[in-house]
Amino acid sequence: MVAICIRGLPAEAKALLRLRAARNGVSMEEEVRRILFRALLQDGPAGEAAGMVVDRGAVDGYPDPP
């Protein structure tokens, strides 16, 4: 498992993230994972790599991108 630290995140972004996580019934950390995963699936070559991970079933439980 990898851990990252996001420095310089504006307070407004954190507040919006907290609200979005609450609305989705998950922790802020889980919400960030979901947002990041969806973004990677939609992004060109990175999306192709993420697609390979999905094919291997390594990310079960994450929602499909919109």
PDB file of N, CA and C in Angstrom:
ATOM      1  N   MET A   1       0.854  -1.170   0.000  1.00  0.00           N
ATOM      2  CA  MET A   1       0.000   0.000   0.000  1.00  0.00           C
ATOM      3  C   MET A   1       0.901   1.234   0.000  1.00  0.00           C
ATOM      4  N   VAL A   2       0.547   2.223  -0.787  1.00  0.00           N
ATOM      5  CA  VAL A   2       1.319   3.447  -0.916  1.00  0.00           C
ATOM      6  C   VAL A   2       0.622   4.568  -0.159  1.00  0.00           C
ATOM      7  N   ALA A   3       1.402   5.406   0.484  1.00  0.00           N
ATOM      8  CA  ALA A   3       0.861   6.585   1.165  1.00  0.00           C
ATOM      9  C   ALA A   3       1.431   7.826   0.498  1.00  0.00           C
ATOM     10  N   ILE A   4       0.584   8.833   0.327  1.00  0.00           N
ATOM     11  CA  ILE A   4       1.050  10.106  -0.223  1.00  0.00           C
ATOM     12  C   ILE A   4       0.565  11.236   0.678  1.00  0.00           C
ATOM     13  N   CYS A   5       1.279  12.349   0.604  1.00  0.00           N
ATOM     14  CA  CYS A   5       0.904  13.542   1.352  1.00  0.00           C
ATOM     15  C   CYS A   5       0.672  14.647   0.338  1.00  0.00           C
ATOM     16  N   ILE A   6      -0.436  15.336   0.435  1.00  0.00           N
ATOM     17  CA  ILE A   6      -0.741  16.420  -0.493  1.00  0.00           C
ATOM     18  C   ILE A   6      -0.556  17.740   0.247  1.00  0.00           C
ATOM     19  N   ARG A   7       0.521  18.433  -0.089  1.00  0.00           N
ATOM     20  CA  ARG A   7       0.806  19.716   0.548  1.00  0.00           C
ATOM     21  C   ARG A   7       0.185  20.844  -0.273  1.00  0.00           C
ATOM     22  N   GLY A   8      -0.165  21.901   0.390  1.00  0.00           N
ATOM     23  CA  GLY A   8      -0.645  23.091  -0.296  1.00  0.00           C
ATOM     24  C   GLY A   8      -2.071  23.000  -0.808  1.00  0.00           C
ATOM     25  N   LEU A   9      -2.835  22.053  -0.325  1.00  0.00           N
ATOM     26  CA  LEU A   9      -4.234  21.941  -0.728  1.00  0.00           C
ATOM     27  C   LEU A   9      -5.008  23.093  -0.101  1.00  0.00           C
ATOM     28  N   PRO A  10      -5.671  23.903  -0.913  1.00  0.00           N
ATOM     29  CA  PRO A  10      -6.417  25.028  -0.347  1.00  0.00           C
ATOM     30  C   PRO A  10      -7.507  24.556   0.623  1.00  0.00           C
ATOM     31  N   ALA A  11      -7.756  25.365   1.624  1.00  0.00           N
ATOM     32  CA  ALA A  11      -8.773  25.035   2.628  1.00  0.00           C
ATOM     33  C   ALA A  11     -10.133  24.802   1.973  1.00  0.00           C
ATOM     34  N   GLU A  12     -10.430  25.562   0.929  1.00  0.00           N
ATOM     35  CA  GLU A  12     -11.716  25.410   0.230  1.00  0.00           C
ATOM     36  C   GLU A  12     -11.825  24.027  -0.406  1.00  0.00           C
ATOM     37  N   ALA A  13     -10.719  23.544  -0.978  1.00  0.00           N
ATOM     38  CA  ALA A  13     -10.724  22.220  -1.602  1.00  0.00           C
ATOM     39  C   ALA A  13     -10.946  21.143  -0.540  1.00  0.00           C
ATOM     40  N   LYS A  14     -10.297  21.298   0.604  1.00  0.00           N
ATOM     41  CA  LYS A  14     -10.475  20.333   1.681  1.00  0.00           C
ATOM     42  C   LYS A  14     -11.920  20.325   2.173  1.00  0.00           C
ATOM     43  N   ALA A  15     -12.513  21.497   2.293  1.00  0.00           N
ATOM     44  CA  ALA A  15     -13.899  21.588   2.742  1.00  0.00           C
ATOM     45  C   ALA A  15     -14.842  20.918   1.742  1.00  0.00           C
ATOM     46  N   LEU A  16     -14.609  21.161   0.453  1.00  0.00           N
ATOM     47  CA  LEU A  16     -15.442  20.535  -0.573  1.00  0.00           C
ATOM     48  C   LEU A  16     -15.252  19.024  -0.582  1.00  0.00           C
ATOM     49  N   LEU A  17     -14.020  18.590  -0.379  1.00  0.00           N
ATOM     50  CA  LEU A  17     -13.737  17.160  -0.321  1.00  0.00           C
ATOM     51  C   LEU A  17     -14.458  16.524   0.856  1.00  0.00           C
ATOM     52  N   ARG A  18     -14.417  17.184   1.995  1.00  0.00           N
ATOM     53  CA  ARG A  18     -15.099  16.662   3.188  1.00  0.00           C
ATOM     54  C   ARG A  18     -16.605  16.537   2.938  1.00  0.00           C
ATOM     55  N   LEU A  19     -17.203  17.545   2.302  1.00  0.00           N
ATOM     56  CA  LEU A  19     -18.638  17.501   1.999  1.00  0.00           C
ATOM     57  C   LEU A  19     -18.959  16.386   1.014  1.00  0.00           C
ATOM     58  N   ARG A  20     -18.140  16.253  -0.018  1.00  0.00           N
ATOM     59  CA  ARG A  20     -18.369  15.216  -1.025  1.00  0.00           C
ATOM     60  C   ARG A  20     -18.251  13.824  -0.401  1.00  0.00           C
ATOM     61  N   ALA A  21     -17.256  13.635   0.447  1.00  0.00           N
ATOM     62  CA  ALA A  21     -17.082  12.345   1.113  1.00  0.00           C
ATOM     63  C   ALA A  21     -18.287  12.029   1.997  1.00  0.00           C
ATOM     64  N   ALA A  22     -18.745  13.016   2.742  1.00  0.00           N
ATOM     65  CA  ALA A  22     -19.910  12.812   3.603  1.00  0.00           C
ATOM     66  C   ALA A  22     -21.138  12.462   2.776  1.00  0.00           C
ATOM     67  N   ARG A  23     -21.321  13.165   1.674  1.00  0.00           N
ATOM     68  CA  ARG A  23     -22.461  12.903   0.795  1.00  0.00           C
ATOM     69  C   ARG A  23     -22.420  11.468   0.253  1.00  0.00           C
ATOM     70  N   ASN A  24     -21.202  10.954   0.017  1.00  0.00           N
ATOM     71  CA  ASN A  24     -21.048   9.606  -0.517  1.00  0.00           C
ATOM     72  C   ASN A  24     -20.908   8.550   0.574  1.00  0.00           C
ATOM     73  N   GLY A  25     -20.924   8.984   1.828  1.00  0.00           N
ATOM     74  CA  GLY A  25     -20.871   8.048   2.940  1.00  0.00           C
ATOM     75  C   GLY A  25     -19.539   7.345   3.117  1.00  0.00           C
ATOM     76  N   VAL A  26     -18.446   8.038   2.745  1.00  0.00           N
ATOM     77  CA  VAL A  26     -17.110   7.450   2.880  1.00  0.00           C
ATOM     78  C   VAL A  26     -16.185   8.449   3.555  1.00  0.00           C
ATOM     79  N   SER A  27     -14.998   7.991   3.917  1.00  0.00           N
ATOM     80  CA  SER A  27     -14.000   8.887   4.504  1.00  0.00           C
ATOM     81  C   SER A  27     -13.418   9.792   3.426  1.00  0.00           C
ATOM     82  N   MET A  28     -12.775  10.867   3.869  1.00  0.00           N
ATOM     83  CA  MET A  28     -12.111  11.749   2.908  1.00  0.00           C
ATOM     84  C   MET A  28     -11.028  10.984   2.149  1.00  0.00           C
ATOM     85  N   GLU A  29     -10.315  10.125   2.840  1.00  0.00           N
ATOM     86  CA  GLU A  29      -9.260   9.339   2.202  1.00  0.00           C
ATOM     87  C   GLU A  29      -9.828   8.444   1.095  1.00  0.00           C
ATOM     88  N   GLU A  30     -10.945   7.779   1.373  1.00  0.00           N
ATOM     89  CA  GLU A  30     -11.581   6.935   0.366  1.00  0.00           C
ATOM     90  C   GLU A  30     -12.076   7.766  -0.805  1.00  0.00           C
ATOM     91  N   GLU A  31     -12.634   8.932  -0.519  1.00  0.00           N
ATOM     92  CA  GLU A  31     -13.122   9.796  -1.594  1.00  0.00           C
ATOM     93  C   GLU A  31     -11.977  10.217  -2.510  1.00  0.00           C
ATOM     94  N   VAL A  32     -10.822  10.538  -1.937  1.00  0.00           N
ATOM     95  CA  VAL A  32      -9.652  10.907  -2.747  1.00  0.00           C
ATOM     96  C   VAL A  32      -9.231   9.727  -3.613  1.00  0.00           C
ATOM     97  N   ARG A  33      -9.220   8.519  -3.049  1.00  0.00           N
ATOM     98  CA  ARG A  33      -8.865   7.340  -3.852  1.00  0.00           C
ATOM     99  C   ARG A  33      -9.804   7.184  -5.034  1.00  0.00           C
ATOM    100  N   ARG A  34     -11.095   7.360  -4.794  1.00  0.00           N
ATOM    101  CA  ARG A  34     -12.075   7.216  -5.878  1.00  0.00           C
ATOM    102  C   ARG A  34     -11.889   8.276  -6.953  1.00  0.00           C
ATOM    103  N   ILE A  35     -11.684   9.516  -6.534  1.00  0.00           N
ATOM    104  CA  ILE A  35     -11.489  10.611  -7.487  1.00  0.00           C
ATOM    105  C   ILE A  35     -10.241  10.354  -8.330  1.00  0.00           C
ATOM    106  N   LEU A  36      -9.159   9.977  -7.672  1.00  0.00           N
ATOM    107  CA  LEU A  36      -7.906   9.723  -8.376  1.00  0.00           C
ATOM    108  C   LEU A  36      -8.053   8.559  -9.345  1.00  0.00           C
ATOM    109  N   PHE A  37      -8.685   7.494  -8.904  1.00  0.00           N
ATOM    110  CA  PHE A  37      -8.861   6.327  -9.765  1.00  0.00           C
ATOM    111  C   PHE A  37      -9.693   6.661 -10.998  1.00  0.00           C
ATOM    112  N   ARG A  38     -10.800   7.369 -10.809  1.00  0.00           N
ATOM    113  CA  ARG A  38     -11.641   7.758 -11.949  1.00  0.00           C
ATOM    114  C   ARG A  38     -10.874   8.633 -12.925  1.00  0.00           C
ATOM    115  N   ALA A  39     -10.107   9.571 -12.400  1.00  0.00           N
ATOM    116  CA  ALA A  39      -9.318  10.461 -13.261  1.00  0.00           C
ATOM    117  C   ALA A  39      -8.307   9.668 -14.079  1.00  0.00           C
ATOM    118  N   LEU A  40      -7.671   8.697 -13.463  1.00  0.00           N
ATOM    119  CA  LEU A  40      -6.692   7.884 -14.181  1.00  0.00           C
ATOM    120  C   LEU A  40      -7.342   7.034 -15.257  1.00  0.00           C
ATOM    121  N   LEU A  41      -8.532   6.526 -14.998  1.00  0.00           N
ATOM    122  CA  LEU A  41      -9.234   5.737 -16.006  1.00  0.00           C
ATOM    123  C   LEU A  41      -9.596   6.567 -17.231  1.00  0.00           C
ATOM    124  N   GLN A  42      -9.823   7.843 -17.040  1.00  0.00           N
ATOM    125  CA  GLN A  42     -10.256   8.700 -18.138  1.00  0.00           C
ATOM    126  C   GLN A  42      -9.098   9.348 -18.883  1.00  0.00           C
ATOM    127  N   ASP A  43      -7.898   9.163 -18.409  1.00  0.00           N
ATOM    128  CA  ASP A  43      -6.752   9.885 -18.936  1.00  0.00           C
ATOM    129  C   ASP A  43      -5.915   9.019 -19.859  1.00  0.00           C
ATOM    130  N   GLY A  44      -5.886   9.330 -21.142  1.00  0.00           N
ATOM    131  CA  GLY A  44      -5.053   8.717 -22.169  1.00  0.00           C
ATOM    132  C   GLY A  44      -4.264   7.487 -21.763  1.00  0.00           C
ATOM    133  N   PRO A  45      -2.935   7.547 -21.934  1.00  0.00           N
ATOM    134  CA  PRO A  45      -2.094   6.375 -21.646  1.00  0.00           C
ATOM    135  C   PRO A  45      -2.207   5.899 -20.199  1.00  0.00           C
ATOM    136  N   ALA A  46      -2.348   6.829 -19.253  1.00  0.00           N
ATOM    137  CA  ALA A  46      -2.507   6.416 -17.858  1.00  0.00           C
ATOM    138  C   ALA A  46      -3.805   5.649 -17.694  1.00  0.00           C
ATOM    139  N   GLY A  47      -4.833   6.065 -18.444  1.00  0.00           N
ATOM    140  CA  GLY A  47      -6.110   5.365 -18.399  1.00  0.00           C
ATOM    141  C   GLY A  47      -5.987   3.950 -18.924  1.00  0.00           C
ATOM    142  N   GLU A  48      -5.162   3.771 -19.957  1.00  0.00           N
ATOM    143  CA  GLU A  48      -4.940   2.435 -20.485  1.00  0.00           C
ATOM    144  C   GLU A  48      -4.269   1.553 -19.435  1.00  0.00           C
ATOM    145  N   ALA A  49      -3.301   2.107 -18.720  1.00  0.00           N
ATOM    146  CA  ALA A  49      -2.622   1.347 -17.669  1.00  0.00           C
ATOM    147  C   ALA A  49      -3.598   1.019 -16.551  1.00  0.00           C
ATOM    148  N   ALA A  50      -4.428   1.983 -16.174  1.00  0.00           N
ATOM    149  CA  ALA A  50      -5.419   1.738 -15.129  1.00  0.00           C
ATOM    150  C   ALA A  50      -6.406   0.678 -15.587  1.00  0.00           C
ATOM    151  N   GLY A  51      -6.741   0.693 -16.875  1.00  0.00           N
ATOM    152  CA  GLY A  51      -7.636  -0.315 -17.428  1.00  0.00           C
ATOM    153  C   GLY A  51      -7.079  -1.709 -17.272  1.00  0.00           C
ATOM    154  N   MET A  52      -5.761  -1.848 -17.419  1.00  0.00           N
ATOM    155  CA  MET A  52      -5.131  -3.153 -17.227  1.00  0.00           C
ATOM    156  C   MET A  52      -5.279  -3.611 -15.788  1.00  0.00           C
ATOM    157  N   VAL A  53      -5.174  -2.688 -14.845  1.00  0.00           N
ATOM    158  CA  VAL A  53      -5.347  -3.024 -13.434  1.00  0.00           C
ATOM    159  C   VAL A  53      -6.773  -3.500 -13.205  1.00  0.00           C
ATOM    160  N   VAL A  54      -7.735  -2.801 -13.806  1.00  0.00           N
ATOM    161  CA  VAL A  54      -9.142  -3.188 -13.667  1.00  0.00           C
ATOM    162  C   VAL A  54      -9.345  -4.589 -14.220  1.00  0.00           C
ATOM    163  N   ASP A  55      -8.728  -4.879 -15.385  1.00  0.00           N
ATOM    164  CA  ASP A  55      -8.875  -6.198 -15.987  1.00  0.00           C
ATOM    165  C   ASP A  55      -8.364  -7.296 -15.071  1.00  0.00           C
ATOM    166  N   ARG A  56      -7.343  -7.000 -14.274  1.00  0.00           N
ATOM    167  CA  ARG A  56      -6.805  -7.999 -13.350  1.00  0.00           C
ATOM    168  C   ARG A  56      -7.643  -8.091 -12.084  1.00  0.00           C
ATOM    169  N   GLY A  57      -8.620  -7.220 -11.923  1.00  0.00           N
ATOM    170  CA  GLY A  57      -9.493  -7.278 -10.763  1.00  0.00           C
ATOM    171  C   GLY A  57      -8.860  -6.720  -9.500  1.00  0.00           C
ATOM    172  N   ALA A  58      -7.841  -5.872  -9.641  1.00  0.00           N
ATOM    173  CA  ALA A  58      -7.126  -5.358  -8.474  1.00  0.00           C
ATOM    174  C   ALA A  58      -7.855  -4.219  -7.798  1.00  0.00           C
ATOM    175  N   VAL A  59      -8.909  -3.705  -8.400  1.00  0.00           N
ATOM    176  CA  VAL A  59      -9.582  -2.539  -7.841  1.00  0.00           C
ATOM    177  C   VAL A  59     -11.071  -2.782  -7.685  1.00  0.00           C
ATOM    178  N   ASP A  60     -11.420  -3.964  -7.333  1.00  0.00           N
ATOM    179  CA  ASP A  60     -12.847  -4.271  -7.121  1.00  0.00           C
ATOM    180  C   ASP A  60     -13.463  -3.302  -6.121  1.00  0.00           C
ATOM    181  N   GLY A  61     -14.671  -2.905  -6.398  1.00  0.00           N
ATOM    182  CA  GLY A  61     -15.379  -2.048  -5.479  1.00  0.00           C
ATOM    183  C   GLY A  61     -15.324  -0.576  -5.833  1.00  0.00           C
ATOM    184  N   TYR A  62     -14.450  -0.181  -6.749  1.00  0.00           N
ATOM    185  CA  TYR A  62     -14.405   1.225  -7.138  1.00  0.00           C
ATOM    186  C   TYR A  62     -15.442   1.470  -8.213  1.00  0.00           C
ATOM    187  N   PRO A  63     -16.159   2.571  -8.109  1.00  0.00           N
ATOM    188  CA  PRO A  63     -17.207   2.858  -9.076  1.00  0.00           C
ATOM    189  C   PRO A  63     -16.643   3.109 -10.467  1.00  0.00           C
ATOM    190  N   ASP A  64     -17.427   2.803 -11.475  1.00  0.00           N
ATOM    191  CA  ASP A  64     -17.034   3.113 -12.836  1.00  0.00           C
ATOM    192  C   ASP A  64     -16.975   4.614 -13.013  1.00  0.00           C
ATOM    193  N   PRO A  65     -16.103   5.085 -13.907  1.00  0.00           N
ATOM    194  CA  PRO A  65     -16.050   6.522 -14.152  1.00  0.00           C
ATOM    195  C   PRO A  65     -17.341   7.011 -14.776  1.00  0.00           C
ATOM    196  N   PRO A  66     -17.686   8.268 -14.547  1.00  0.00           N
ATOM    197  CA  PRO A  66     -18.932   8.807 -15.101  1.00  0.00           C
ATOM    198  C   PRO A  66     -18.882   8.886 -16.604  1.00  0.00           C
TER     199      PRO A  66
END
